[in-house]
Amino acid sequence: MPMPKVLLGGVPIELHSGAPDESTQPIGGSTVLRLSDGAAVKMTHWRKAAGTISGTGWMPPALDGLDYSQPLELRTTQVSSISGTATTYTLTSTPRPDDTPWAEALVGDTWVPTASSVTDGVITITPVTGASRYRACWFPVYSVVAEPPQRSQSSSTNAHGWSISWEEA
């Protein structure tokens, strides 16, 4: 099965624009408070994701026509996953609608694909004889705010560099 493409606002990042490098990090309204005995208590009010996508290729990524004043749909190809001994997991982000989440089972020292189904953000993995762990994987989709990409061009190498930063809306 071919790898899906990163899509921003419905525009695919074509391989000719450079294989996208993706990073994602959590952002959130949390803080650590200390009690009178010094014990730490973490208080979290909200949590979202932020990240960057960049590449260098033979052509620019064709993202100039997007309306950056509005939230955009970002379909990533950076794998999210959950692992444990259970066979049911709640996905921590919305999976891409064009690529079904998948599951793997650890049998011995090898991860093998196994059947699974997803309903309302919960993945149920079919048990595998001899499995010691299971892993649920998916490509997330986010509603993001972003600015137009930073761009560069090298006439000597005919390379177009680009980078876009985003935050979950």
N, C-alpha and C. Protein backbone atom coordinates (compact mmCIF):
# COMPACT_ATOMS: atom_id res chain seq x y z
N MET A 1 0.84 -1.17 0.00
CA MET A 1 0.00 0.00 0.00
C MET A 1 0.90 1.24 0.00
N PRO A 2 0.65 2.19 -0.91
CA PRO A 2 1.51 3.37 -0.97
C PRO A 2 1.29 4.29 0.24
N MET A 3 2.34 4.99 0.59
CA MET A 3 2.29 5.95 1.69
C MET A 3 1.42 7.13 1.28
N PRO A 4 0.49 7.58 2.14
CA PRO A 4 -0.29 8.76 1.79
C PRO A 4 0.60 10.01 1.79
N LYS A 5 0.10 11.06 1.20
CA LYS A 5 0.85 12.32 1.14
C LYS A 5 0.38 13.25 2.26
N VAL A 6 1.28 14.12 2.71
CA VAL A 6 0.88 15.19 3.61
C VAL A 6 -0.04 16.10 2.81
N LEU A 7 -1.16 16.48 3.41
CA LEU A 7 -2.09 17.42 2.78
C LEU A 7 -2.31 18.59 3.73
N LEU A 8 -2.24 19.80 3.21
CA LEU A 8 -2.56 21.00 3.98
C LEU A 8 -3.62 21.75 3.21
N GLY A 9 -4.76 21.94 3.83
CA GLY A 9 -5.86 22.64 3.16
C GLY A 9 -6.30 21.95 1.88
N GLY A 10 -6.14 20.63 1.82
CA GLY A 10 -6.51 19.86 0.64
C GLY A 10 -5.45 19.81 -0.44
N VAL A 11 -4.33 20.51 -0.25
CA VAL A 11 -3.25 20.53 -1.24
C VAL A 11 -2.21 19.48 -0.85
N PRO A 12 -1.95 18.51 -1.72
CA PRO A 12 -0.93 17.49 -1.39
C PRO A 12 0.48 18.05 -1.55
N ILE A 13 1.36 17.65 -0.64
CA ILE A 13 2.78 17.97 -0.78
C ILE A 13 3.37 16.89 -1.68
N GLU A 14 3.69 17.26 -2.91
CA GLU A 14 4.21 16.30 -3.88
C GLU A 14 5.68 16.00 -3.60
N LEU A 15 6.09 14.81 -3.92
CA LEU A 15 7.47 14.39 -3.68
C LEU A 15 8.47 15.30 -4.41
N HIS A 16 8.07 15.89 -5.53
CA HIS A 16 8.96 16.80 -6.26
C HIS A 16 9.27 18.07 -5.47
N SER A 17 8.45 18.36 -4.45
CA SER A 17 8.71 19.51 -3.58
C SER A 17 9.62 19.14 -2.42
N GLY A 18 10.04 17.90 -2.38
CA GLY A 18 10.91 17.42 -1.31
C GLY A 18 10.14 16.49 -0.39
N ALA A 19 10.75 15.41 0.00
CA ALA A 19 10.12 14.51 0.97
C ALA A 19 9.93 15.28 2.27
N PRO A 20 8.70 15.41 2.74
CA PRO A 20 8.45 16.25 3.92
C PRO A 20 9.10 15.69 5.18
N ASP A 21 9.76 16.57 5.91
CA ASP A 21 10.23 16.26 7.26
C ASP A 21 9.19 16.83 8.21
N GLU A 22 8.66 16.00 9.09
CA GLU A 22 7.60 16.42 9.99
C GLU A 22 8.05 16.34 11.44
N SER A 23 7.67 17.33 12.22
CA SER A 23 7.87 17.27 13.66
C SER A 23 6.57 17.70 14.33
N THR A 24 6.31 17.10 15.46
CA THR A 24 5.12 17.43 16.25
C THR A 24 5.53 17.46 17.71
N GLN A 25 5.01 18.43 18.44
CA GLN A 25 5.27 18.48 19.88
C GLN A 25 4.00 18.94 20.58
N PRO A 26 3.81 18.49 21.82
CA PRO A 26 2.64 18.95 22.57
C PRO A 26 2.84 20.38 23.04
N ILE A 27 1.77 21.14 23.02
CA ILE A 27 1.75 22.45 23.67
C ILE A 27 0.56 22.40 24.61
N GLY A 28 0.61 23.18 25.67
CA GLY A 28 -0.52 23.09 26.58
C GLY A 28 -0.46 24.08 27.71
N GLY A 29 -1.61 24.28 28.28
CA GLY A 29 -1.75 25.15 29.43
C GLY A 29 -1.61 24.34 30.69
N SER A 30 -0.37 23.96 31.01
CA SER A 30 -0.15 23.19 32.22
C SER A 30 0.99 23.81 33.01
N THR A 31 0.97 23.53 34.28
CA THR A 31 2.01 24.02 35.16
C THR A 31 2.18 23.05 36.31
N VAL A 32 3.34 23.04 36.91
CA VAL A 32 3.59 22.22 38.08
C VAL A 32 3.53 23.13 39.30
N LEU A 33 2.67 22.76 40.23
CA LEU A 33 2.55 23.49 41.50
C LEU A 33 3.16 22.65 42.61
N ARG A 34 3.67 23.30 43.62
CA ARG A 34 4.26 22.60 44.76
C ARG A 34 3.37 22.79 45.99
N LEU A 35 3.09 21.70 46.67
CA LEU A 35 2.32 21.74 47.91
C LEU A 35 3.24 22.15 49.05
N SER A 36 2.67 22.34 50.21
CA SER A 36 3.46 22.82 51.34
C SER A 36 4.56 21.84 51.74
N ASP A 37 4.39 20.54 51.43
CA ASP A 37 5.44 19.57 51.75
C ASP A 37 6.42 19.39 50.59
N GLY A 38 6.27 20.17 49.51
CA GLY A 38 7.17 20.10 48.37
C GLY A 38 6.72 19.14 47.28
N ALA A 39 5.64 18.38 47.51
CA ALA A 39 5.16 17.42 46.51
C ALA A 39 4.65 18.18 45.28
N ALA A 40 4.95 17.62 44.12
CA ALA A 40 4.55 18.26 42.86
C ALA A 40 3.15 17.80 42.46
N VAL A 41 2.36 18.77 41.97
CA VAL A 41 1.04 18.48 41.42
C VAL A 41 0.98 19.17 40.07
N LYS A 42 0.76 18.39 39.02
CA LYS A 42 0.67 18.98 37.68
C LYS A 42 -0.78 19.31 37.39
N MET A 43 -1.01 20.56 37.02
CA MET A 43 -2.35 21.01 36.66
C MET A 43 -2.36 21.32 35.16
N THR A 44 -3.26 20.67 34.43
CA THR A 44 -3.36 20.87 32.99
C THR A 44 -4.75 21.39 32.67
N HIS A 45 -4.80 22.54 32.00
CA HIS A 45 -6.07 23.15 31.62
C HIS A 45 -6.45 22.77 30.20
N TRP A 46 -5.47 22.60 29.33
CA TRP A 46 -5.71 22.22 27.94
C TRP A 46 -4.42 21.66 27.36
N ARG A 47 -4.55 20.91 26.26
CA ARG A 47 -3.39 20.36 25.57
C ARG A 47 -3.70 20.31 24.08
N LYS A 48 -2.79 20.78 23.28
CA LYS A 48 -2.91 20.77 21.82
C LYS A 48 -1.56 20.33 21.24
N ALA A 49 -1.51 20.27 19.91
CA ALA A 49 -0.27 19.90 19.23
C ALA A 49 0.21 21.07 18.36
N ALA A 50 1.49 21.11 18.12
CA ALA A 50 2.11 22.08 17.21
C ALA A 50 3.23 21.36 16.48
N GLY A 51 3.68 21.95 15.38
CA GLY A 51 4.76 21.29 14.67
C GLY A 51 5.25 22.07 13.47
N THR A 52 6.12 21.42 12.72
CA THR A 52 6.65 21.99 11.49
C THR A 52 6.69 20.90 10.42
N ILE A 53 6.60 21.36 9.19
CA ILE A 53 6.78 20.50 8.03
C ILE A 53 7.74 21.25 7.12
N SER A 54 8.75 20.56 6.61
CA SER A 54 9.72 21.23 5.75
C SER A 54 10.23 20.26 4.70
N GLY A 55 10.84 20.82 3.68
CA GLY A 55 11.41 19.99 2.63
C GLY A 55 12.25 20.82 1.69
N THR A 56 13.00 20.15 0.86
CA THR A 56 13.78 20.77 -0.20
C THR A 56 13.62 19.90 -1.44
N GLY A 57 13.15 20.51 -2.52
CA GLY A 57 12.90 19.73 -3.72
C GLY A 57 13.11 20.52 -4.99
N TRP A 58 12.63 19.94 -6.08
CA TRP A 58 12.81 20.54 -7.39
C TRP A 58 11.79 21.62 -7.70
N MET A 59 10.73 21.71 -6.89
CA MET A 59 9.70 22.72 -7.11
C MET A 59 9.13 23.14 -5.76
N PRO A 60 8.52 24.35 -5.68
CA PRO A 60 7.91 24.77 -4.43
C PRO A 60 6.67 23.92 -4.14
N PRO A 61 6.17 23.94 -2.88
CA PRO A 61 5.09 23.04 -2.49
C PRO A 61 3.68 23.48 -2.91
N ALA A 62 3.52 24.59 -3.61
CA ALA A 62 2.22 25.03 -4.16
C ALA A 62 1.19 25.32 -3.07
N LEU A 63 1.63 25.93 -1.97
CA LEU A 63 0.73 26.25 -0.88
C LEU A 63 0.35 27.73 -0.84
N ASP A 64 0.72 28.50 -1.87
CA ASP A 64 0.47 29.94 -1.86
C ASP A 64 -1.01 30.30 -1.99
N GLY A 65 -1.83 29.42 -2.54
CA GLY A 65 -3.24 29.73 -2.75
C GLY A 65 -4.14 29.46 -1.56
N LEU A 66 -3.57 29.00 -0.43
CA LEU A 66 -4.39 28.69 0.74
C LEU A 66 -4.77 29.96 1.50
N ASP A 67 -5.92 29.92 2.16
CA ASP A 67 -6.40 31.04 2.98
C ASP A 67 -5.89 30.83 4.40
N TYR A 68 -4.77 31.45 4.73
CA TYR A 68 -4.14 31.27 6.03
C TYR A 68 -4.84 32.06 7.13
N SER A 69 -5.89 32.82 6.79
CA SER A 69 -6.64 33.54 7.81
C SER A 69 -7.66 32.62 8.50
N GLN A 70 -7.84 31.42 7.98
CA GLN A 70 -8.81 30.45 8.51
C GLN A 70 -8.07 29.17 8.92
N PRO A 71 -8.67 28.37 9.83
CA PRO A 71 -8.07 27.07 10.13
C PRO A 71 -8.02 26.20 8.88
N LEU A 72 -6.97 25.41 8.76
CA LEU A 72 -6.76 24.51 7.62
C LEU A 72 -6.69 23.08 8.13
N GLU A 73 -7.15 22.15 7.31
CA GLU A 73 -7.02 20.74 7.67
C GLU A 73 -5.62 20.27 7.29
N LEU A 74 -4.92 19.66 8.25
CA LEU A 74 -3.59 19.10 8.03
C LEU A 74 -3.67 17.60 8.22
N ARG A 75 -3.37 16.87 7.15
CA ARG A 75 -3.30 15.41 7.22
C ARG A 75 -1.83 15.04 7.20
N THR A 76 -1.34 14.50 8.30
CA THR A 76 0.08 14.19 8.43
C THR A 76 0.38 12.75 8.03
N THR A 77 1.66 12.47 7.89
CA THR A 77 2.12 11.10 7.67
C THR A 77 3.06 10.67 8.79
N GLN A 78 3.10 11.46 9.85
CA GLN A 78 3.89 11.09 11.01
C GLN A 78 3.04 10.15 11.87
N VAL A 79 3.52 8.96 12.10
CA VAL A 79 2.75 7.92 12.79
C VAL A 79 2.58 8.25 14.26
N SER A 80 1.34 8.14 14.74
CA SER A 80 1.05 8.15 16.17
C SER A 80 0.79 6.71 16.58
N SER A 81 1.12 6.36 17.82
CA SER A 81 0.92 4.97 18.23
C SER A 81 0.72 4.86 19.74
N ILE A 82 0.07 3.77 20.11
CA ILE A 82 -0.14 3.40 21.51
C ILE A 82 0.26 1.94 21.62
N SER A 83 0.94 1.57 22.70
CA SER A 83 1.37 0.19 22.86
C SER A 83 1.11 -0.27 24.29
N GLY A 84 0.80 -1.54 24.42
CA GLY A 84 0.58 -2.13 25.73
C GLY A 84 0.14 -3.57 25.59
N THR A 85 -0.37 -4.14 26.68
CA THR A 85 -0.82 -5.53 26.66
C THR A 85 -2.31 -5.65 26.37
N ALA A 86 -3.03 -4.55 26.36
CA ALA A 86 -4.47 -4.58 26.10
C ALA A 86 -4.73 -4.73 24.60
N THR A 87 -5.96 -5.06 24.25
CA THR A 87 -6.35 -5.17 22.85
C THR A 87 -7.35 -4.09 22.46
N THR A 88 -7.61 -3.14 23.35
CA THR A 88 -8.50 -2.02 23.05
C THR A 88 -7.84 -0.74 23.52
N TYR A 89 -7.79 0.28 22.63
CA TYR A 89 -7.18 1.56 22.96
C TYR A 89 -8.02 2.70 22.40
N THR A 90 -8.06 3.81 23.14
CA THR A 90 -8.68 5.02 22.63
C THR A 90 -7.59 5.83 21.95
N LEU A 91 -7.80 6.15 20.67
CA LEU A 91 -6.81 6.94 19.92
C LEU A 91 -6.73 8.33 20.53
N THR A 92 -5.54 8.89 20.62
CA THR A 92 -5.33 10.18 21.27
C THR A 92 -5.48 11.37 20.33
N SER A 93 -5.70 11.10 19.06
CA SER A 93 -5.97 12.16 18.09
C SER A 93 -6.85 11.55 16.99
N THR A 94 -7.38 12.43 16.16
CA THR A 94 -8.27 11.96 15.09
C THR A 94 -7.44 11.34 13.96
N PRO A 95 -7.80 10.12 13.54
CA PRO A 95 -7.06 9.51 12.44
C PRO A 95 -7.50 10.08 11.09
N ARG A 96 -6.60 10.05 10.12
CA ARG A 96 -6.93 10.49 8.76
C ARG A 96 -8.11 9.67 8.24
N PRO A 97 -9.08 10.32 7.62
CA PRO A 97 -10.22 9.57 7.09
C PRO A 97 -9.87 8.77 5.84
N ASP A 98 -8.75 9.09 5.19
CA ASP A 98 -8.36 8.39 3.97
C ASP A 98 -7.33 7.29 4.21
N ASP A 99 -7.02 6.99 5.47
CA ASP A 99 -6.05 5.94 5.79
C ASP A 99 -6.44 5.32 7.14
N THR A 100 -6.88 4.09 7.12
CA THR A 100 -7.39 3.41 8.30
C THR A 100 -6.28 3.11 9.30
N PRO A 101 -6.53 3.33 10.61
CA PRO A 101 -5.55 2.90 11.61
C PRO A 101 -5.29 1.40 11.49
N TRP A 102 -4.11 0.99 11.94
CA TRP A 102 -3.73 -0.41 11.84
C TRP A 102 -3.15 -0.89 13.16
N ALA A 103 -3.01 -2.21 13.29
CA ALA A 103 -2.51 -2.79 14.54
C ALA A 103 -1.43 -3.80 14.25
N GLU A 104 -0.58 -4.00 15.27
CA GLU A 104 0.50 -4.98 15.20
C GLU A 104 0.58 -5.71 16.53
N ALA A 105 1.05 -6.93 16.48
CA ALA A 105 1.24 -7.73 17.69
C ALA A 105 2.71 -8.13 17.77
N LEU A 106 3.27 -8.09 18.98
CA LEU A 106 4.66 -8.50 19.19
C LEU A 106 4.67 -9.99 19.53
N VAL A 107 5.16 -10.78 18.59
CA VAL A 107 5.27 -12.23 18.77
C VAL A 107 6.77 -12.55 18.78
N GLY A 108 7.25 -12.97 19.92
CA GLY A 108 8.70 -13.15 20.07
C GLY A 108 9.35 -11.77 20.03
N ASP A 109 10.21 -11.55 19.05
CA ASP A 109 10.83 -10.23 18.90
C ASP A 109 10.43 -9.56 17.58
N THR A 110 9.31 -10.00 17.00
CA THR A 110 8.86 -9.48 15.71
C THR A 110 7.45 -8.89 15.82
N TRP A 111 7.28 -7.67 15.29
CA TRP A 111 5.95 -7.07 15.21
C TRP A 111 5.29 -7.58 13.94
N VAL A 112 4.12 -8.20 14.10
CA VAL A 112 3.38 -8.74 12.96
C VAL A 112 2.05 -8.01 12.82
N PRO A 113 1.62 -7.73 11.59
CA PRO A 113 0.32 -7.08 11.40
C PRO A 113 -0.80 -7.98 11.92
N THR A 114 -1.82 -7.36 12.48
CA THR A 114 -2.98 -8.11 12.94
C THR A 114 -4.25 -7.33 12.63
N ALA A 115 -5.34 -8.03 12.56
CA ALA A 115 -6.62 -7.40 12.24
C ALA A 115 -7.06 -6.48 13.38
N SER A 116 -7.80 -5.44 13.00
CA SER A 116 -8.34 -4.51 13.99
C SER A 116 -9.54 -3.81 13.38
N SER A 117 -10.31 -3.17 14.24
CA SER A 117 -11.43 -2.35 13.79
C SER A 117 -11.47 -1.09 14.64
N VAL A 118 -11.99 -0.01 14.06
CA VAL A 118 -12.06 1.28 14.75
C VAL A 118 -13.50 1.76 14.75
N THR A 119 -14.00 2.11 15.92
CA THR A 119 -15.33 2.68 16.07
C THR A 119 -15.26 3.83 17.04
N ASP A 120 -15.68 5.02 16.60
CA ASP A 120 -15.72 6.21 17.45
C ASP A 120 -14.41 6.47 18.18
N GLY A 121 -13.30 6.35 17.47
CA GLY A 121 -11.99 6.66 18.05
C GLY A 121 -11.42 5.59 18.94
N VAL A 122 -12.04 4.42 18.98
CA VAL A 122 -11.52 3.31 19.78
C VAL A 122 -11.14 2.18 18.83
N ILE A 123 -9.88 1.72 18.96
CA ILE A 123 -9.42 0.61 18.12
C ILE A 123 -9.45 -0.68 18.94
N THR A 124 -10.00 -1.71 18.34
CA THR A 124 -10.06 -3.03 18.95
C THR A 124 -9.20 -3.96 18.11
N ILE A 125 -8.22 -4.57 18.75
CA ILE A 125 -7.24 -5.42 18.07
C ILE A 125 -7.61 -6.88 18.27
N THR A 126 -7.55 -7.63 17.19
CA THR A 126 -7.80 -9.06 17.27
C THR A 126 -6.61 -9.73 17.95
N PRO A 127 -6.85 -10.48 19.05
CA PRO A 127 -5.73 -11.13 19.75
C PRO A 127 -4.98 -12.11 18.85
N VAL A 128 -3.67 -12.22 19.09
CA VAL A 128 -2.80 -13.11 18.34
C VAL A 128 -2.16 -14.08 19.33
N THR A 129 -2.21 -15.36 19.03
CA THR A 129 -1.61 -16.38 19.89
C THR A 129 -0.11 -16.12 20.04
N GLY A 130 0.36 -16.08 21.27
CA GLY A 130 1.78 -15.89 21.54
C GLY A 130 2.21 -14.43 21.61
N ALA A 131 1.30 -13.49 21.42
CA ALA A 131 1.67 -12.07 21.46
C ALA A 131 1.87 -11.61 22.90
N SER A 132 2.92 -10.83 23.12
CA SER A 132 3.19 -10.29 24.45
C SER A 132 2.76 -8.83 24.56
N ARG A 133 2.65 -8.14 23.43
CA ARG A 133 2.24 -6.73 23.41
C ARG A 133 1.49 -6.48 22.11
N TYR A 134 0.75 -5.36 22.12
CA TYR A 134 0.04 -4.90 20.93
C TYR A 134 0.34 -3.43 20.72
N ARG A 135 0.20 -3.00 19.47
CA ARG A 135 0.44 -1.59 19.14
C ARG A 135 -0.61 -1.15 18.14
N ALA A 136 -1.24 -0.01 18.43
CA ALA A 136 -2.19 0.62 17.51
C ALA A 136 -1.50 1.82 16.88
N CYS A 137 -1.61 1.97 15.56
CA CYS A 137 -0.92 3.04 14.83
C CYS A 137 -1.91 3.75 13.91
N TRP A 138 -1.68 5.05 13.68
CA TRP A 138 -2.52 5.82 12.79
C TRP A 138 -1.80 7.10 12.37
N PHE A 139 -2.27 7.67 11.26
CA PHE A 139 -1.80 8.97 10.80
C PHE A 139 -2.83 10.01 11.25
N PRO A 140 -2.44 11.01 12.04
CA PRO A 140 -3.41 11.99 12.55
C PRO A 140 -3.80 13.05 11.52
N VAL A 141 -4.96 13.63 11.76
CA VAL A 141 -5.44 14.79 11.02
C VAL A 141 -5.76 15.87 12.06
N TYR A 142 -5.36 17.11 11.76
CA TYR A 142 -5.57 18.21 12.68
C TYR A 142 -6.24 19.38 11.95
N SER A 143 -6.94 20.19 12.71
CA SER A 143 -7.37 21.50 12.24
C SER A 143 -6.33 22.47 12.79
N VAL A 144 -5.63 23.21 11.89
CA VAL A 144 -4.48 23.99 12.32
C VAL A 144 -4.57 25.44 11.85
N VAL A 145 -3.83 26.28 12.55
CA VAL A 145 -3.59 27.64 12.09
C VAL A 145 -2.12 27.71 11.70
N ALA A 146 -1.85 28.44 10.65
CA ALA A 146 -0.48 28.53 10.13
C ALA A 146 -0.31 29.82 9.36
N GLU A 147 0.92 30.16 9.11
CA GLU A 147 1.28 31.27 8.23
C GLU A 147 1.81 30.66 6.94
N PRO A 148 1.85 31.42 5.85
CA PRO A 148 2.44 30.88 4.62
C PRO A 148 3.87 30.40 4.88
N PRO A 149 4.32 29.41 4.12
CA PRO A 149 5.63 28.83 4.39
C PRO A 149 6.78 29.80 4.14
N GLN A 150 7.84 29.62 4.93
CA GLN A 150 9.10 30.29 4.64
C GLN A 150 9.69 29.56 3.45
N ARG A 151 10.30 30.30 2.53
CA ARG A 151 10.81 29.67 1.30
C ARG A 151 12.21 30.14 0.99
N SER A 152 12.93 29.27 0.27
CA SER A 152 14.25 29.63 -0.25
C SER A 152 14.40 28.98 -1.61
N GLN A 153 15.32 29.54 -2.40
CA GLN A 153 15.59 28.97 -3.72
C GLN A 153 17.07 29.12 -4.02
N SER A 154 17.66 28.05 -4.52
CA SER A 154 19.06 28.08 -4.93
C SER A 154 19.10 27.93 -6.44
N SER A 155 19.52 28.97 -7.12
CA SER A 155 19.64 28.89 -8.58
C SER A 155 20.76 27.96 -9.01
N SER A 156 21.79 27.83 -8.18
CA SER A 156 22.92 26.98 -8.57
C SER A 156 22.56 25.49 -8.51
N THR A 157 21.65 25.11 -7.64
CA THR A 157 21.27 23.69 -7.54
C THR A 157 19.82 23.44 -7.98
N ASN A 158 19.12 24.51 -8.35
CA ASN A 158 17.71 24.43 -8.74
C ASN A 158 16.89 23.75 -7.65
N ALA A 159 17.17 24.11 -6.39
CA ALA A 159 16.47 23.54 -5.25
C ALA A 159 15.57 24.59 -4.61
N HIS A 160 14.38 24.16 -4.23
CA HIS A 160 13.41 25.01 -3.54
C HIS A 160 13.24 24.48 -2.12
N GLY A 161 13.60 25.29 -1.13
CA GLY A 161 13.42 24.91 0.27
C GLY A 161 12.19 25.59 0.83
N TRP A 162 11.52 24.94 1.75
CA TRP A 162 10.32 25.51 2.35
C TRP A 162 10.12 24.93 3.75
N SER A 163 9.43 25.67 4.59
CA SER A 163 9.15 25.26 5.96
C SER A 163 7.88 25.96 6.42
N ILE A 164 7.00 25.21 7.05
CA ILE A 164 5.76 25.79 7.56
C ILE A 164 5.58 25.33 9.01
N SER A 165 5.27 26.28 9.88
CA SER A 165 4.98 25.98 11.28
C SER A 165 3.48 26.04 11.48
N TRP A 166 2.95 25.17 12.33
CA TRP A 166 1.52 25.11 12.56
C TRP A 166 1.22 24.86 14.04
N GLU A 167 0.02 25.25 14.44
CA GLU A 167 -0.49 24.95 15.77
C GLU A 167 -1.92 24.48 15.63
N GLU A 168 -2.28 23.49 16.40
CA GLU A 168 -3.65 22.99 16.38
C GLU A 168 -4.61 24.10 16.79
N ALA A 169 -5.70 24.26 16.03
CA ALA A 169 -6.68 25.33 16.31
C ALA A 169 -7.46 25.00 17.58
